[in-house]
Amino acid sequence: MGEFSIMHILVVAIILLVFFGPSRLPGLGQSIGKAIRGFKDGLSETQNDVQPPTSTAPPQAPRQIPPVEEASTEASSIKSEKYKS
């Protein structure tokens, strides 16, 4: 498989003229162009959906979770007495 040359393009053009005729070729080219544009638009929309939106707000520091206070000795002694009986 080599590069496309002018000869390749002429052969494809002649085949298109034979199959579709000169009156249908402009409409065919137009519909192919619309399909390619729609495909490109669909790709750009999916890329926008995948990428997270950039925010202009300054970054915030992560919230600090306050340490859990240990239960008082009175509460723990009441619990231990409850379970002993």
PDB file of N, CA and C in Angstrom:
ATOM      1  N   MET A   1       0.841  -1.174   0.000  1.00  0.00           N
ATOM      2  CA  MET A   1       0.000   0.000   0.000  1.00  0.00           C
ATOM      3  C   MET A   1       0.890   1.243   0.000  1.00  0.00           C
ATOM      4  N   GLY A   2       0.760   1.989  -1.026  1.00  0.00           N
ATOM      5  CA  GLY A   2       1.558   3.195  -1.139  1.00  0.00           C
ATOM      6  C   GLY A   2       0.719   4.430  -0.893  1.00  0.00           C
ATOM      7  N   GLU A   3       1.283   5.549  -1.286  1.00  0.00           N
ATOM      8  CA  GLU A   3       0.575   6.810  -1.135  1.00  0.00           C
ATOM      9  C   GLU A   3      -0.452   6.964  -2.259  1.00  0.00           C
ATOM     10  N   PHE A   4      -1.423   7.836  -2.039  1.00  0.00           N
ATOM     11  CA  PHE A   4      -2.392   8.118  -3.101  1.00  0.00           C
ATOM     12  C   PHE A   4      -1.746   9.055  -4.109  1.00  0.00           C
ATOM     13  N   SER A   5      -1.890   8.720  -5.352  1.00  0.00           N
ATOM     14  CA  SER A   5      -1.380   9.594  -6.405  1.00  0.00           C
ATOM     15  C   SER A   5      -2.564  10.181  -7.165  1.00  0.00           C
ATOM     16  N   ILE A   6      -2.275  11.016  -8.117  1.00  0.00           N
ATOM     17  CA  ILE A   6      -3.331  11.636  -8.912  1.00  0.00           C
ATOM     18  C   ILE A   6      -4.081  10.550  -9.699  1.00  0.00           C
ATOM     19  N   MET A   7      -3.364   9.517 -10.093  1.00  0.00           N
ATOM     20  CA  MET A   7      -3.998   8.431 -10.837  1.00  0.00           C
ATOM     21  C   MET A   7      -5.062   7.730  -9.996  1.00  0.00           C
ATOM     22  N   HIS A   8      -4.783   7.495  -8.729  1.00  0.00           N
ATOM     23  CA  HIS A   8      -5.759   6.869  -7.837  1.00  0.00           C
ATOM     24  C   HIS A   8      -7.010   7.730  -7.705  1.00  0.00           C
ATOM     25  N   ILE A   9      -6.805   9.019  -7.525  1.00  0.00           N
ATOM     26  CA  ILE A   9      -7.928   9.943  -7.362  1.00  0.00           C
ATOM     27  C   ILE A   9      -8.789   9.973  -8.630  1.00  0.00           C
ATOM     28  N   LEU A  10      -8.153   9.970  -9.806  1.00  0.00           N
ATOM     29  CA  LEU A  10      -8.909   9.965 -11.070  1.00  0.00           C
ATOM     30  C   LEU A  10      -9.730   8.685 -11.227  1.00  0.00           C
ATOM     31  N   VAL A  11      -9.172   7.549 -10.858  1.00  0.00           N
ATOM     32  CA  VAL A  11      -9.906   6.288 -10.963  1.00  0.00           C
ATOM     33  C   VAL A  11     -11.132   6.312 -10.048  1.00  0.00           C
ATOM     34  N   VAL A  12     -10.970   6.791  -8.827  1.00  0.00           N
ATOM     35  CA  VAL A  12     -12.097   6.873  -7.891  1.00  0.00           C
ATOM     36  C   VAL A  12     -13.149   7.851  -8.427  1.00  0.00           C
ATOM     37  N   ALA A  13     -12.728   8.974  -8.982  1.00  0.00           N
ATOM     38  CA  ALA A  13     -13.668   9.956  -9.526  1.00  0.00           C
ATOM     39  C   ALA A  13     -14.453   9.366 -10.693  1.00  0.00           C
ATOM     40  N   ILE A  14     -13.795   8.623 -11.574  1.00  0.00           N
ATOM     41  CA  ILE A  14     -14.493   8.011 -12.708  1.00  0.00           C
ATOM     42  C   ILE A  14     -15.507   6.983 -12.231  1.00  0.00           C
ATOM     43  N   ILE A  15     -15.129   6.185 -11.244  1.00  0.00           N
ATOM     44  CA  ILE A  15     -16.063   5.182 -10.698  1.00  0.00           C
ATOM     45  C   ILE A  15     -17.276   5.869 -10.082  1.00  0.00           C
ATOM     46  N   LEU A  16     -17.058   6.958  -9.359  1.00  0.00           N
ATOM     47  CA  LEU A  16     -18.176   7.691  -8.763  1.00  0.00           C
ATOM     48  C   LEU A  16     -19.099   8.265  -9.837  1.00  0.00           C
ATOM     49  N   LEU A  17     -18.511   8.802 -10.916  1.00  0.00           N
ATOM     50  CA  LEU A  17     -19.331   9.341 -12.002  1.00  0.00           C
ATOM     51  C   LEU A  17     -20.171   8.258 -12.660  1.00  0.00           C
ATOM     52  N   VAL A  18     -19.608   7.065 -12.813  1.00  0.00           N
ATOM     53  CA  VAL A  18     -20.349   5.987 -13.451  1.00  0.00           C
ATOM     54  C   VAL A  18     -21.503   5.540 -12.566  1.00  0.00           C
ATOM     55  N   PHE A  19     -21.252   5.387 -11.280  1.00  0.00           N
ATOM     56  CA  PHE A  19     -22.297   4.880 -10.377  1.00  0.00           C
ATOM     57  C   PHE A  19     -23.385   5.908 -10.085  1.00  0.00           C
ATOM     58  N   PHE A  20     -23.004   7.141  -9.810  1.00  0.00           N
ATOM     59  CA  PHE A  20     -23.982   8.118  -9.340  1.00  0.00           C
ATOM     60  C   PHE A  20     -24.395   9.136 -10.391  1.00  0.00           C
ATOM     61  N   GLY A  21     -23.601   9.363 -11.385  1.00  0.00           N
ATOM     62  CA  GLY A  21     -23.933  10.351 -12.413  1.00  0.00           C
ATOM     63  C   GLY A  21     -23.555  11.748 -11.961  1.00  0.00           C
ATOM     64  N   PRO A  22     -23.373  12.641 -12.921  1.00  0.00           N
ATOM     65  CA  PRO A  22     -22.917  13.996 -12.586  1.00  0.00           C
ATOM     66  C   PRO A  22     -23.953  14.828 -11.819  1.00  0.00           C
ATOM     67  N   SER A  23     -25.230  14.498 -11.925  1.00  0.00           N
ATOM     68  CA  SER A  23     -26.244  15.310 -11.241  1.00  0.00           C
ATOM     69  C   SER A  23     -26.323  14.996  -9.748  1.00  0.00           C
ATOM     70  N   ARG A  24     -25.935  13.799  -9.327  1.00  0.00           N
ATOM     71  CA  ARG A  24     -26.037  13.421  -7.917  1.00  0.00           C
ATOM     72  C   ARG A  24     -24.757  13.685  -7.120  1.00  0.00           C
ATOM     73  N   LEU A  25     -23.651  13.896  -7.782  1.00  0.00           N
ATOM     74  CA  LEU A  25     -22.381  14.046  -7.062  1.00  0.00           C
ATOM     75  C   LEU A  25     -22.351  15.242  -6.102  1.00  0.00           C
ATOM     76  N   PRO A  26     -22.862  16.423  -6.466  1.00  0.00           N
ATOM     77  CA  PRO A  26     -22.837  17.532  -5.492  1.00  0.00           C
ATOM     78  C   PRO A  26     -23.628  17.224  -4.217  1.00  0.00           C
ATOM     79  N   GLY A  27     -24.773  16.608  -4.373  1.00  0.00           N
ATOM     80  CA  GLY A  27     -25.580  16.248  -3.199  1.00  0.00           C
ATOM     81  C   GLY A  27     -24.901  15.185  -2.353  1.00  0.00           C
ATOM     82  N   LEU A  28     -24.229  14.251  -3.021  1.00  0.00           N
ATOM     83  CA  LEU A  28     -23.502  13.204  -2.308  1.00  0.00           C
ATOM     84  C   LEU A  28     -22.349  13.804  -1.498  1.00  0.00           C
ATOM     85  N   GLY A  29     -21.613  14.719  -2.115  1.00  0.00           N
ATOM     86  CA  GLY A  29     -20.513  15.385  -1.405  1.00  0.00           C
ATOM     87  C   GLY A  29     -21.008  16.198  -0.214  1.00  0.00           C
ATOM     88  N   GLN A  30     -22.134  16.847  -0.410  1.00  0.00           N
ATOM     89  CA  GLN A  30     -22.711  17.656   0.676  1.00  0.00           C
ATOM     90  C   GLN A  30     -23.152  16.771   1.839  1.00  0.00           C
ATOM     91  N   SER A  31     -23.784  15.657   1.561  1.00  0.00           N
ATOM     92  CA  SER A  31     -24.231  14.778   2.641  1.00  0.00           C
ATOM     93  C   SER A  31     -23.050  14.120   3.355  1.00  0.00           C
ATOM     94  N   ILE A  32     -21.986  13.804   2.622  1.00  0.00           N
ATOM     95  CA  ILE A  32     -20.785  13.253   3.267  1.00  0.00           C
ATOM     96  C   ILE A  32     -20.150  14.309   4.169  1.00  0.00           C
ATOM     97  N   GLY A  33     -20.125  15.565   3.707  1.00  0.00           N
ATOM     98  CA  GLY A  33     -19.572  16.651   4.520  1.00  0.00           C
ATOM     99  C   GLY A  33     -20.359  16.860   5.806  1.00  0.00           C
ATOM    100  N   LYS A  34     -21.679  16.799   5.722  1.00  0.00           N
ATOM    101  CA  LYS A  34     -22.521  16.938   6.920  1.00  0.00           C
ATOM    102  C   LYS A  34     -22.286  15.784   7.893  1.00  0.00           C
ATOM    103  N   ALA A  35     -22.125  14.584   7.336  1.00  0.00           N
ATOM    104  CA  ALA A  35     -21.884  13.426   8.206  1.00  0.00           C
ATOM    105  C   ALA A  35     -20.550  13.551   8.935  1.00  0.00           C
ATOM    106  N   ILE A  36     -19.529  14.023   8.239  1.00  0.00           N
ATOM    107  CA  ILE A  36     -18.213  14.187   8.875  1.00  0.00           C
ATOM    108  C   ILE A  36     -18.281  15.266   9.944  1.00  0.00           C
ATOM    109  N   ARG A  37     -18.961  16.378   9.645  1.00  0.00           N
ATOM    110  CA  ARG A  37     -19.106  17.442  10.652  1.00  0.00           C
ATOM    111  C   ARG A  37     -19.859  16.963  11.884  1.00  0.00           C
ATOM    112  N   GLY A  38     -20.915  16.189  11.671  1.00  0.00           N
ATOM    113  CA  GLY A  38     -21.673  15.638  12.799  1.00  0.00           C
ATOM    114  C   GLY A  38     -20.831  14.692  13.631  1.00  0.00           C
ATOM    115  N   PHE A  39     -20.002  13.910  12.965  1.00  0.00           N
ATOM    116  CA  PHE A  39     -19.118  12.995  13.678  1.00  0.00           C
ATOM    117  C   PHE A  39     -18.105  13.757  14.527  1.00  0.00           C
ATOM    118  N   LYS A  40     -17.515  14.805  13.957  1.00  0.00           N
ATOM    119  CA  LYS A  40     -16.550  15.618  14.708  1.00  0.00           C
ATOM    120  C   LYS A  40     -17.210  16.313  15.894  1.00  0.00           C
ATOM    121  N   ASP A  41     -18.424  16.825  15.692  1.00  0.00           N
ATOM    122  CA  ASP A  41     -19.149  17.473  16.792  1.00  0.00           C
ATOM    123  C   ASP A  41     -19.451  16.472  17.902  1.00  0.00           C
ATOM    124  N   GLY A  42     -19.833  15.261  17.523  1.00  0.00           N
ATOM    125  CA  GLY A  42     -20.102  14.219  18.523  1.00  0.00           C
ATOM    126  C   GLY A  42     -18.854  13.860  19.307  1.00  0.00           C
ATOM    127  N   LEU A  43     -17.706  13.811  18.629  1.00  0.00           N
ATOM    128  CA  LEU A  43     -16.456  13.525  19.333  1.00  0.00           C
ATOM    129  C   LEU A  43     -16.100  14.631  20.312  1.00  0.00           C
ATOM    130  N   SER A  44     -16.264  15.880  19.898  1.00  0.00           N
ATOM    131  CA  SER A  44     -15.919  16.984  20.792  1.00  0.00           C
ATOM    132  C   SER A  44     -16.861  17.033  21.990  1.00  0.00           C
ATOM    133  N   GLU A  45     -18.133  16.668  21.809  1.00  0.00           N
ATOM    134  CA  GLU A  45     -19.071  16.648  22.933  1.00  0.00           C
ATOM    135  C   GLU A  45     -18.698  15.572  23.937  1.00  0.00           C
ATOM    136  N   THR A  46     -18.297  14.400  23.453  1.00  0.00           N
ATOM    137  CA  THR A  46     -17.921  13.327  24.381  1.00  0.00           C
ATOM    138  C   THR A  46     -16.629  13.670  25.091  1.00  0.00           C
ATOM    139  N   GLN A  47     -15.718  14.368  24.447  1.00  0.00           N
ATOM    140  CA  GLN A  47     -14.489  14.773  25.114  1.00  0.00           C
ATOM    141  C   GLN A  47     -14.781  15.804  26.179  1.00  0.00           C
ATOM    142  N   ASN A  48     -15.748  16.694  25.942  1.00  0.00           N
ATOM    143  CA  ASN A  48     -16.126  17.677  26.955  1.00  0.00           C
ATOM    144  C   ASN A  48     -16.794  17.003  28.141  1.00  0.00           C
ATOM    145  N   ASP A  49     -17.553  15.928  27.893  1.00  0.00           N
ATOM    146  CA  ASP A  49     -18.204  15.208  28.974  1.00  0.00           C
ATOM    147  C   ASP A  49     -17.198  14.466  29.832  1.00  0.00           C
ATOM    148  N   VAL A  50     -16.144  13.960  29.225  1.00  0.00           N
ATOM    149  CA  VAL A  50     -15.151  13.169  29.950  1.00  0.00           C
ATOM    150  C   VAL A  50     -14.263  14.065  30.799  1.00  0.00           C
ATOM    151  N   GLN A  51     -13.868  15.218  30.282  1.00  0.00           N
ATOM    152  CA  GLN A  51     -12.983  16.115  31.011  1.00  0.00           C
ATOM    153  C   GLN A  51     -13.785  16.889  32.055  1.00  0.00           C
ATOM    154  N   PRO A  52     -13.264  16.940  33.310  1.00  0.00           N
ATOM    155  CA  PRO A  52     -13.988  17.703  34.329  1.00  0.00           C
ATOM    156  C   PRO A  52     -13.888  19.193  34.026  1.00  0.00           C
ATOM    157  N   PRO A  53     -14.931  19.940  34.330  1.00  0.00           N
ATOM    158  CA  PRO A  53     -14.881  21.370  34.070  1.00  0.00           C
ATOM    159  C   PRO A  53     -13.857  22.040  34.975  1.00  0.00           C
ATOM    160  N   THR A  54     -13.162  23.014  34.427  1.00  0.00           N
ATOM    161  CA  THR A  54     -12.171  23.729  35.219  1.00  0.00           C
ATOM    162  C   THR A  54     -12.880  24.790  36.039  1.00  0.00           C
ATOM    163  N   SER A  55     -12.476  24.929  37.284  1.00  0.00           N
ATOM    164  CA  SER A  55     -13.098  25.872  38.194  1.00  0.00           C
ATOM    165  C   SER A  55     -12.202  27.085  38.364  1.00  0.00           C
ATOM    166  N   THR A  56     -12.799  28.273  38.473  1.00  0.00           N
ATOM    167  CA  THR A  56     -12.028  29.484  38.694  1.00  0.00           C
ATOM    168  C   THR A  56     -11.926  29.799  40.178  1.00  0.00           C
ATOM    169  N   ALA A  57     -12.583  29.029  41.012  1.00  0.00           N
ATOM    170  CA  ALA A  57     -12.538  29.255  42.456  1.00  0.00           C
ATOM    171  C   ALA A  57     -11.178  28.797  42.987  1.00  0.00           C
ATOM    172  N   PRO A  58     -10.654  29.485  44.004  1.00  0.00           N
ATOM    173  CA  PRO A  58      -9.367  29.065  44.558  1.00  0.00           C
ATOM    174  C   PRO A  58      -9.495  27.703  45.236  1.00  0.00           C
ATOM    175  N   PRO A  59      -8.436  26.936  45.217  1.00  0.00           N
ATOM    176  CA  PRO A  59      -8.515  25.615  45.863  1.00  0.00           C
ATOM    177  C   PRO A  59      -8.704  25.756  47.369  1.00  0.00           C
ATOM    178  N   GLN A  60      -9.473  24.866  47.932  1.00  0.00           N
ATOM    179  CA  GLN A  60      -9.738  24.903  49.363  1.00  0.00           C
ATOM    180  C   GLN A  60      -8.940  23.807  50.044  1.00  0.00           C
ATOM    181  N   ALA A  61      -8.540  24.102  51.276  1.00  0.00           N
ATOM    182  CA  ALA A  61      -7.826  23.099  52.061  1.00  0.00           C
ATOM    183  C   ALA A  61      -8.811  22.017  52.488  1.00  0.00           C
ATOM    184  N   PRO A  62      -8.348  20.782  52.591  1.00  0.00           N
ATOM    185  CA  PRO A  62      -9.262  19.721  53.032  1.00  0.00           C
ATOM    186  C   PRO A  62      -9.737  19.978  54.458  1.00  0.00           C
ATOM    187  N   ARG A  63     -10.988  19.589  54.718  1.00  0.00           N
ATOM    188  CA  ARG A  63     -11.538  19.797  56.052  1.00  0.00           C
ATOM    189  C   ARG A  63     -10.866  18.863  57.042  1.00  0.00           C
ATOM    190  N   GLN A  64     -10.608  19.378  58.210  1.00  0.00           N
ATOM    191  CA  GLN A  64     -10.011  18.580  59.277  1.00  0.00           C
ATOM    192  C   GLN A  64     -11.126  17.974  60.122  1.00  0.00           C
ATOM    193  N   ILE A  65     -11.047  16.695  60.372  1.00  0.00           N
ATOM    194  CA  ILE A  65     -12.021  16.022  61.215  1.00  0.00           C
ATOM    195  C   ILE A  65     -11.537  16.128  62.650  1.00  0.00           C
ATOM    196  N   PRO A  66     -12.387  16.642  63.552  1.00  0.00           N
ATOM    197  CA  PRO A  66     -11.939  16.789  64.940  1.00  0.00           C
ATOM    198  C   PRO A  66     -11.694  15.410  65.560  1.00  0.00           C
ATOM    199  N   PRO A  67     -10.715  15.328  66.457  1.00  0.00           N
ATOM    200  CA  PRO A  67     -10.433  14.036  67.086  1.00  0.00           C
ATOM    201  C   PRO A  67     -11.607  13.595  67.972  1.00  0.00           C
ATOM    202  N   VAL A  68     -11.774  12.303  68.056  1.00  0.00           N
ATOM    203  CA  VAL A  68     -12.843  11.737  68.868  1.00  0.00           C
ATOM    204  C   VAL A  68     -12.395  11.770  70.326  1.00  0.00           C
ATOM    205  N   GLU A  69     -13.254  12.319  71.168  1.00  0.00           N
ATOM    206  CA  GLU A  69     -12.912  12.378  72.587  1.00  0.00           C
ATOM    207  C   GLU A  69     -13.204  11.025  73.224  1.00  0.00           C
ATOM    208  N   GLU A  70     -12.351  10.622  74.110  1.00  0.00           N
ATOM    209  CA  GLU A  70     -12.561   9.337  74.776  1.00  0.00           C
ATOM    210  C   GLU A  70     -13.672   9.478  75.806  1.00  0.00           C
ATOM    211  N   ALA A  71     -14.363   8.397  76.004  1.00  0.00           N
ATOM    212  CA  ALA A  71     -15.469   8.409  76.955  1.00  0.00           C
ATOM    213  C   ALA A  71     -14.926   8.667  78.360  1.00  0.00           C
ATOM    214  N   SER A  72     -15.729   9.328  79.159  1.00  0.00           N
ATOM    215  CA  SER A  72     -15.293   9.621  80.524  1.00  0.00           C
ATOM    216  C   SER A  72     -15.209   8.325  81.330  1.00  0.00           C
ATOM    217  N   THR A  73     -14.446   8.354  82.370  1.00  0.00           N
ATOM    218  CA  THR A  73     -14.281   7.145  83.185  1.00  0.00           C
ATOM    219  C   THR A  73     -15.575   6.782  83.887  1.00  0.00           C
ATOM    220  N   GLU A  74     -16.410   7.767  84.207  1.00  0.00           N
ATOM    221  CA  GLU A  74     -17.679   7.469  84.864  1.00  0.00           C
ATOM    222  C   GLU A  74     -18.585   6.668  83.927  1.00  0.00           C
ATOM    223  N   ALA A  75     -18.655   7.078  82.685  1.00  0.00           N
ATOM    224  CA  ALA A  75     -19.517   6.380  81.737  1.00  0.00           C
ATOM    225  C   ALA A  75     -19.012   4.972  81.499  1.00  0.00           C
ATOM    226  N   SER A  76     -17.704   4.799  81.405  1.00  0.00           N
ATOM    227  CA  SER A  76     -17.168   3.469  81.157  1.00  0.00           C
ATOM    228  C   SER A  76     -17.343   2.571  82.373  1.00  0.00           C
ATOM    229  N   SER A  77     -17.258   3.152  83.583  1.00  0.00           N
ATOM    230  CA  SER A  77     -17.459   2.329  84.772  1.00  0.00           C
ATOM    231  C   SER A  77     -18.919   1.909  84.912  1.00  0.00           C
ATOM    232  N   ILE A  78     -19.843   2.770  84.517  1.00  0.00           N
ATOM    233  CA  ILE A  78     -21.264   2.420  84.572  1.00  0.00           C
ATOM    234  C   ILE A  78     -21.547   1.291  83.587  1.00  0.00           C
ATOM    235  N   LYS A  79     -20.961   1.369  82.398  1.00  0.00           N
ATOM    236  CA  LYS A  79     -21.167   0.318  81.412  1.00  0.00           C
ATOM    237  C   LYS A  79     -20.587  -1.006  81.888  1.00  0.00           C
ATOM    238  N   SER A  80     -19.401  -0.962  82.485  1.00  0.00           N
ATOM    239  CA  SER A  80     -18.777  -2.205  82.909  1.00  0.00           C
ATOM    240  C   SER A  80     -19.570  -2.843  84.063  1.00  0.00           C
ATOM    241  N   GLU A  81     -20.152  -2.034  84.973  1.00  0.00           N
ATOM    242  CA  GLU A  81     -20.981  -2.564  86.043  1.00  0.00           C
ATOM    243  C   GLU A  81     -22.256  -3.171  85.505  1.00  0.00           C
ATOM    244  N   LYS A  82     -22.790  -2.575  84.459  1.00  0.00           N
ATOM    245  CA  LYS A  82     -24.029  -3.070  83.876  1.00  0.00           C
ATOM    246  C   LYS A  82     -23.823  -4.461  83.283  1.00  0.00           C
ATOM    247  N   TYR A  83     -22.691  -4.681  82.632  1.00  0.00           N
ATOM    248  CA  TYR A  83     -22.437  -5.955  81.996  1.00  0.00           C
ATOM    249  C   TYR A  83     -21.957  -7.031  82.962  1.00  0.00           C
ATOM    250  N   LYS A  84     -21.470  -6.646  84.154  1.00  0.00           N
ATOM    251  CA  LYS A  84     -21.002  -7.622  85.124  1.00  0.00           C
ATOM    252  C   LYS A  84     -22.144  -8.387  85.725  1.00  0.00           C
ATOM    253  N   SER A  85     -23.268  -7.792  85.900  1.00  0.00           N
ATOM    254  CA  SER A  85     -24.385  -8.451  86.583  1.00  0.00           C
ATOM    255  C   SER A  85     -25.177  -9.369  85.729  1.00  0.00           C
TER     256      SER A  85
END
